[in-house]
Amino acid sequence: MCPLQEDMEWRQQLSDVTGPLDQEMLPPLERQGPLWEWYGQLHEAGWKLDSNSYSTCFRLTRTPGKTEADIQAVIAARPSCLASTFNMGAADFYPATSGKEAAAAHLMQRFGVPAERTIFLCDDDNDLGLAGMVGKAFLPSISAASVEQAVAAQPDRFVVADLKWTGGTEQMLDAVKQHFTAMASTSQQKASKQPEAVPA
């Protein structure tokens, strides 16, 4: 197996908001940077927060005594350097220059891959931005009404599993394989139709 290696060029771009790279082992309340200052403010206000294994984001989860309106107010009041999206019913906070779309754009540029030749496996509301960037989105399931609406509005951009749970995941992995096989075949056919160069 290939060991995972963090893209330090990408990580360094976030450090103005997430703080120094060497503070990962510190408790969140002891970390520097606007992200963790916001964490401290929410912690002081009594919000239930999850930073377990996170170094460039944190999650605000359902908190007793706090309403949906309270959550929306917190999201609206966040510092301008932070973005927020919902994931599994919780609000994630992270650098505004980060997020799935920005990370995907960074990778596309780094590896020289056009967006139309990329895919995305997804299922939730916070996936829709990236789903709109890639060539095709594959959905093992649909976990938000907004995703269902997006599929209905642009059915050609999405492939949705008709099996449940792990069956849906396996079905979409097979669909991804078929998608790239067909893409490679199309590229080969186009290449074979190119006229041969005539010697001068």
Protein backbone atom coordinates (compact mmCIF):
# COMPACT_ATOMS: atom_id res chain seq x y z
CA MET A 1 0.00 0.00 0.00
CA CYS A 2 1.13 3.55 -0.73
CA PRO A 3 1.46 5.70 2.41
CA LEU A 4 -0.66 8.83 2.54
CA GLN A 5 1.31 12.04 2.18
CA GLU A 6 -0.20 15.44 2.84
CA ASP A 7 0.01 18.05 0.10
CA MET A 8 2.04 20.63 1.99
CA GLU A 9 1.74 23.22 -0.79
CA TRP A 10 -2.04 23.13 -0.31
CA ARG A 11 -1.77 23.06 3.46
CA GLN A 12 0.56 26.07 3.54
CA GLN A 13 -2.04 28.09 1.61
CA LEU A 14 -4.44 27.67 4.55
CA SER A 15 -2.04 28.54 7.37
CA ASP A 16 -3.08 32.20 7.59
CA VAL A 17 -6.45 30.96 8.82
CA THR A 18 -5.65 27.60 10.43
CA GLY A 19 -2.45 28.69 12.16
CA PRO A 20 1.06 27.17 12.18
CA LEU A 21 1.48 23.66 10.78
CA ASP A 22 3.20 22.38 13.93
CA GLN A 23 0.28 22.93 16.32
CA GLU A 24 -1.80 19.88 15.39
CA MET A 25 -1.09 18.10 18.67
CA LEU A 26 -2.28 21.03 20.78
CA PRO A 27 -5.83 21.11 22.20
CA PRO A 28 -8.08 23.25 19.96
CA LEU A 29 -8.41 25.99 22.59
CA GLU A 30 -4.63 26.43 22.62
CA ARG A 31 -4.23 26.68 18.84
CA GLN A 32 -3.53 29.93 17.01
CA GLY A 33 -5.29 31.30 13.95
CA PRO A 34 -8.71 32.80 13.15
CA LEU A 35 -10.28 29.35 12.78
CA TRP A 36 -9.41 28.39 16.34
CA GLU A 37 -10.26 31.82 17.72
CA TRP A 38 -13.77 31.25 16.32
CA TYR A 39 -13.76 27.77 17.88
CA GLY A 40 -12.96 29.37 21.24
CA GLN A 41 -15.81 31.87 20.92
CA LEU A 42 -18.33 29.13 20.11
CA HIS A 43 -16.99 26.94 22.92
CA GLU A 44 -17.42 29.82 25.38
CA ALA A 45 -20.99 30.29 24.11
CA GLY A 46 -21.80 26.71 25.04
CA TRP A 47 -21.84 25.05 21.63
CA LYS A 48 -20.97 21.38 21.24
CA LEU A 49 -17.96 21.20 18.93
CA ASP A 50 -16.05 18.34 17.32
CA SER A 51 -12.39 18.81 16.43
CA ASN A 52 -11.32 15.18 16.77
CA SER A 53 -8.62 14.47 14.15
CA TYR A 54 -9.28 17.85 12.49
CA SER A 55 -6.49 20.37 11.98
CA THR A 56 -7.95 22.69 9.34
CA CYS A 57 -11.64 22.65 10.30
CA PHE A 58 -14.08 21.81 13.07
CA ARG A 59 -17.71 20.77 13.30
CA LEU A 60 -20.57 22.33 15.23
CA THR A 61 -23.00 19.58 16.21
CA ARG A 62 -26.52 19.56 17.65
CA THR A 63 -26.39 21.23 21.04
CA PRO A 64 -29.08 20.97 23.75
CA GLY A 65 -30.81 24.29 24.23
CA LYS A 66 -29.75 25.59 20.81
CA THR A 67 -32.24 25.91 17.97
CA GLU A 68 -31.94 25.71 14.19
CA ALA A 69 -32.26 29.49 14.14
CA ASP A 70 -29.33 29.70 16.58
CA ILE A 71 -27.20 27.57 14.24
CA GLN A 72 -28.06 29.75 11.26
CA ALA A 73 -27.21 32.87 13.27
CA VAL A 74 -23.80 31.43 14.18
CA ILE A 75 -23.10 30.58 10.54
CA ALA A 76 -24.07 34.09 9.46
CA ALA A 77 -21.84 35.64 12.14
CA ARG A 78 -18.70 33.69 11.24
CA PRO A 79 -15.55 35.64 10.29
CA SER A 80 -15.23 36.45 6.59
CA CYS A 81 -12.14 34.26 6.31
CA LEU A 82 -14.24 31.18 7.14
CA ALA A 83 -16.78 29.24 5.12
CA SER A 84 -19.44 26.87 6.45
CA THR A 85 -21.45 24.00 5.00
CA PHE A 86 -23.80 21.38 6.40
CA ASN A 87 -22.68 17.77 6.53
CA MET A 88 -24.75 15.02 8.16
CA GLY A 89 -26.82 17.59 10.02
CA ALA A 90 -23.82 19.44 11.44
CA ALA A 91 -22.17 22.71 10.43
CA ASP A 92 -18.54 22.53 9.35
CA PHE A 93 -16.29 25.60 9.61
CA TYR A 94 -13.10 25.84 7.51
CA PRO A 95 -11.02 28.40 5.60
CA ALA A 96 -12.96 30.17 2.86
CA THR A 97 -10.10 29.35 0.50
CA SER A 98 -10.51 25.66 1.28
CA GLY A 99 -13.48 23.34 0.83
CA LYS A 100 -14.12 20.60 -1.69
CA GLU A 101 -14.38 22.85 -4.73
CA ALA A 102 -11.13 24.71 -4.02
CA ALA A 103 -9.27 21.48 -3.21
CA ALA A 104 -10.53 19.85 -6.41
CA ALA A 105 -9.52 22.89 -8.49
CA HIS A 106 -6.05 22.72 -6.92
CA LEU A 107 -5.70 19.05 -7.87
CA MET A 108 -7.00 19.57 -11.40
CA GLN A 109 -4.43 22.32 -11.94
CA ARG A 110 -1.62 20.37 -10.33
CA PHE A 111 -2.18 17.25 -12.45
CA GLY A 112 -3.34 19.04 -15.58
CA VAL A 113 -6.72 17.32 -15.74
CA PRO A 114 -9.70 19.19 -17.24
CA ALA A 115 -12.86 19.24 -15.13
CA GLU A 116 -14.87 17.31 -17.73
CA ARG A 117 -12.56 14.31 -17.26
CA THR A 118 -13.15 14.10 -13.50
CA ILE A 119 -15.85 12.43 -11.41
CA PHE A 120 -17.14 12.67 -7.85
CA LEU A 121 -18.84 10.15 -5.54
CA CYS A 122 -21.21 12.07 -3.31
CA ASP A 123 -24.59 12.12 -1.58
CA ASP A 124 -25.10 15.21 0.60
CA ASP A 125 -25.96 18.90 0.39
CA ASN A 126 -22.37 20.04 0.89
CA ASP A 127 -21.35 18.02 -2.18
CA LEU A 128 -23.41 19.97 -4.70
CA GLY A 129 -20.81 22.66 -5.42
CA LEU A 130 -18.19 20.12 -6.46
CA ALA A 131 -20.78 17.98 -8.23
CA GLY A 132 -21.42 20.99 -10.45
CA MET A 133 -17.70 21.29 -11.32
CA VAL A 134 -16.87 17.75 -12.38
CA GLY A 135 -17.80 15.90 -15.53
CA LYS A 136 -20.10 13.43 -13.78
CA ALA A 137 -21.30 12.84 -10.21
CA PHE A 138 -22.06 9.33 -8.94
CA LEU A 139 -24.46 8.96 -6.00
CA PRO A 140 -24.50 5.74 -3.93
CA SER A 141 -27.44 7.32 -2.10
CA ILE A 142 -29.28 10.63 -1.69
CA SER A 143 -29.23 12.02 1.85
CA ALA A 144 -30.64 15.52 1.32
CA ALA A 145 -33.67 16.99 -0.42
CA SER A 146 -31.43 19.53 -2.15
CA VAL A 147 -29.49 16.70 -3.80
CA GLU A 148 -32.70 15.11 -5.02
CA GLN A 149 -33.72 18.46 -6.51
CA ALA A 150 -30.35 18.84 -8.24
CA VAL A 151 -30.62 15.39 -9.79
CA ALA A 152 -34.12 16.20 -11.05
CA ALA A 153 -32.92 19.51 -12.53
CA GLN A 154 -29.83 18.08 -14.27
CA PRO A 155 -30.24 14.31 -14.63
CA ASP A 156 -27.44 14.11 -17.24
CA ARG A 157 -24.88 15.23 -14.65
CA PHE A 158 -25.71 12.50 -12.12
CA VAL A 159 -25.73 8.72 -11.92
CA VAL A 160 -27.83 7.47 -9.00
CA ALA A 161 -27.65 3.96 -7.52
CA ASP A 162 -30.85 1.94 -7.34
CA LEU A 163 -29.39 -0.37 -4.68
CA LYS A 164 -29.12 0.43 -0.97
CA TRP A 165 -26.23 0.73 1.47
CA THR A 166 -23.02 -1.06 0.43
CA GLY A 167 -24.81 -2.36 -2.64
CA GLY A 168 -25.23 1.21 -3.84
CA THR A 169 -21.55 1.96 -3.24
CA GLU A 170 -20.44 -1.14 -5.17
CA GLN A 171 -22.84 -0.29 -7.98
CA MET A 172 -21.42 3.23 -8.30
CA LEU A 173 -17.81 2.01 -8.21
CA ASP A 174 -18.66 -0.29 -11.12
CA ALA A 175 -20.34 2.63 -12.88
CA VAL A 176 -17.21 4.77 -12.41
CA LYS A 177 -15.08 2.01 -13.95
CA GLN A 178 -17.44 1.77 -16.92
CA HIS A 179 -17.44 5.55 -17.28
CA PHE A 180 -13.66 5.78 -17.56
CA THR A 181 -13.47 2.71 -19.80
CA ALA A 182 -15.91 4.36 -22.19
CA MET A 183 -13.98 7.65 -21.97
CA ALA A 184 -10.71 5.90 -22.84
CA SER A 185 -12.35 4.10 -25.75
CA THR A 186 -13.70 7.38 -27.11
CA SER A 187 -10.28 8.99 -26.85
CA GLN A 188 -8.68 6.09 -28.73
CA GLN A 189 -11.26 6.29 -31.49
CA LYS A 190 -10.67 10.02 -31.89
CA ALA A 191 -6.91 9.47 -32.01
CA SER A 192 -7.25 6.76 -34.67
CA LYS A 193 -9.25 9.12 -36.89
CA GLN A 194 -6.55 11.80 -36.87
CA PRO A 195 -4.97 12.12 -40.34
CA GLU A 196 -1.39 10.99 -40.57
CA ALA A 197 1.22 13.64 -41.14
CA VAL A 198 2.42 13.77 -44.74
CA PRO A 199 6.21 14.09 -45.09
CA ALA A 200 7.28 17.36 -46.67
